[in-house]
Every structure is written in structure tokens, then in C-alpha cells.
Amino acid sequence: MKRIGLVVAYDGTNYCGWQTQPNGITVQGVLNDTLSELLGEKIETIGASRTDAGVHALGNVAVFDTNTRIPGEKISYALNQRLPEDIREGYELLRFMIAKMI
């Protein structure tokens, strides 16, 4: 088993915050569902922080444990292809930010 780190950016307008809740769609819930489908195993992300309903984030950190042999950068690319447009995983985001700084 290995631990994968995520850097997540999102527009929280359409979400009931970060943390999974039984009564609404959350960023963590979307990530968990998308990762579980992508990797073929139940994934539960652990967030370093959380946001309230409607709040945006740039650089929110989360981790998850997996048995996959897929490299992290490949997971990032595949995840971004499957996530809704208002949630992005940061490997691509960090590359964009670094490119803008250079």
C-alpha cells in the first residue's frame, strides 16, 4: 500500500463544503467517488483542512492510501479527466503556476 498526496483547487459554489456529508454534494465526496471508480477500490481521502459551503480553495491538501501501481502523476492526469470542471487536482495546477512564475 502506498500513500498519494493531492493538491486540490476548487470553486465551491456548487458544493456543501469540503468534508463528506450525508445531506449534500461535497468536494471530498466527489474526489472519493472519482478516485474509487478510477482505481477500482474504495478510496477515502483525508483532508488537511476543510471549507464551508460555497467557499473556494487553491492548494487544499489531501492524501489517500491505495494498492494501485499507477504512478502519482498518471493518477493526477486521469483524475483531472474525470473530475467536474470546478475541481482540479494540483499536479497540473502546480505546473501551470510554476510556468507563470518563470
Protein backbone atom coordinates (compact mmCIF):
# COMPACT_ATOMS: atom_id res chain seq x y z
CA MET A 1 0.00 0.00 0.00
CA LYS A 2 1.21 3.50 -0.79
CA ARG A 3 0.05 6.98 0.18
CA ILE A 4 -0.64 9.52 -2.57
CA GLY A 5 -0.78 13.26 -1.90
CA LEU A 6 -3.15 15.61 -3.70
CA VAL A 7 -3.16 19.39 -4.03
CA VAL A 8 -6.74 20.34 -4.84
CA ALA A 9 -8.22 23.56 -6.18
CA TYR A 10 -11.96 24.10 -6.49
CA ASP A 11 -14.75 26.56 -6.97
CA GLY A 12 -17.00 25.72 -4.04
CA THR A 13 -20.14 27.40 -5.41
CA ASN A 14 -21.88 24.08 -6.14
CA TYR A 15 -20.70 22.19 -3.04
CA CYS A 16 -21.72 21.85 0.60
CA GLY A 17 -18.09 22.35 1.64
CA TRP A 18 -15.09 20.04 1.62
CA GLN A 19 -15.99 17.33 4.13
CA THR A 20 -18.24 14.42 3.16
CA GLN A 21 -21.80 14.90 4.48
CA PRO A 22 -24.90 12.74 4.23
CA ASN A 23 -27.12 15.61 3.04
CA GLY A 24 -25.23 17.19 0.14
CA ILE A 25 -22.57 17.01 -2.55
CA THR A 26 -19.10 17.83 -1.23
CA VAL A 27 -15.65 18.18 -2.78
CA GLN A 28 -14.29 15.28 -0.71
CA GLY A 29 -17.24 13.11 -1.71
CA VAL A 30 -16.67 13.81 -5.41
CA LEU A 31 -12.94 13.06 -5.04
CA ASN A 32 -13.62 9.81 -3.15
CA ASP A 33 -16.15 8.61 -5.73
CA THR A 34 -13.99 9.57 -8.71
CA LEU A 35 -10.82 8.01 -7.27
CA SER A 36 -12.69 4.85 -6.29
CA GLU A 37 -14.03 4.46 -9.82
CA LEU A 38 -10.64 5.25 -11.40
CA LEU A 39 -8.61 2.88 -9.20
CA GLY A 40 -11.18 0.10 -8.79
CA GLU A 41 -11.02 0.16 -4.99
CA LYS A 42 -12.76 2.10 -2.21
CA ILE A 43 -10.83 5.33 -1.61
CA GLU A 44 -11.28 7.65 1.37
CA THR A 45 -9.31 10.88 1.17
CA ILE A 46 -8.03 12.58 4.31
CA GLY A 47 -8.03 16.37 4.05
CA ALA A 48 -5.56 18.62 5.85
CA SER A 49 -8.23 21.31 6.15
CA ARG A 50 -11.81 21.92 5.12
CA THR A 51 -14.03 24.67 3.79
CA ASP A 52 -17.64 25.63 4.34
CA ALA A 53 -20.40 25.58 1.73
CA GLY A 54 -19.73 27.85 -1.23
CA VAL A 55 -16.09 28.56 -0.30
CA HIS A 56 -13.34 28.21 -2.91
CA ALA A 57 -9.85 26.78 -2.37
CA LEU A 58 -6.49 26.87 -4.10
CA GLY A 59 -3.96 24.40 -2.73
CA ASN A 60 -6.10 22.33 -0.35
CA VAL A 61 -4.05 19.25 0.60
CA ALA A 62 -5.37 15.70 0.92
CA VAL A 63 -3.94 12.17 0.96
CA PHE A 64 -5.27 8.69 0.30
CA ASP A 65 -3.96 5.14 0.56
CA THR A 66 -4.09 2.79 -2.40
CA ASN A 67 -2.85 -0.55 -3.68
CA THR A 68 -2.53 0.71 -7.26
CA ARG A 69 0.72 0.54 -9.17
CA ILE A 70 -0.23 3.58 -11.27
CA PRO A 71 2.32 6.41 -10.76
CA GLY A 72 1.05 9.54 -8.98
CA GLU A 73 1.42 11.85 -11.99
CA LYS A 74 -0.65 9.43 -14.10
CA ILE A 75 -3.33 9.37 -11.39
CA SER A 76 -3.38 13.17 -11.42
CA TYR A 77 -3.88 13.32 -15.19
CA ALA A 78 -6.58 10.61 -15.20
CA LEU A 79 -8.32 12.18 -12.20
CA ASN A 80 -8.49 15.60 -13.86
CA GLN A 81 -10.00 14.00 -16.96
CA ARG A 82 -12.84 12.60 -14.81
CA LEU A 83 -13.46 15.37 -12.28
CA PRO A 84 -16.01 18.12 -12.93
CA GLU A 85 -14.54 21.37 -14.29
CA ASP A 86 -14.84 23.12 -10.91
CA ILE A 87 -12.44 20.68 -9.17
CA ARG A 88 -8.80 20.22 -10.24
CA GLU A 89 -6.00 18.14 -8.79
CA GLY A 90 -2.87 20.18 -8.36
CA TYR A 91 -0.13 18.33 -10.22
CA GLU A 92 -1.35 20.09 -13.35
CA LEU A 93 -2.17 23.19 -11.30
CA LEU A 94 1.35 23.36 -9.85
CA ARG A 95 2.89 23.02 -13.32
CA PHE A 96 0.70 25.90 -14.52
CA MET A 97 1.62 28.10 -11.54
CA ILE A 98 5.35 27.41 -11.92
CA ALA A 99 5.16 28.16 -15.65
CA LYS A 100 3.51 31.52 -14.89
CA MET A 101 6.26 32.39 -12.37
CA ILE A 102 9.11 31.69 -14.81
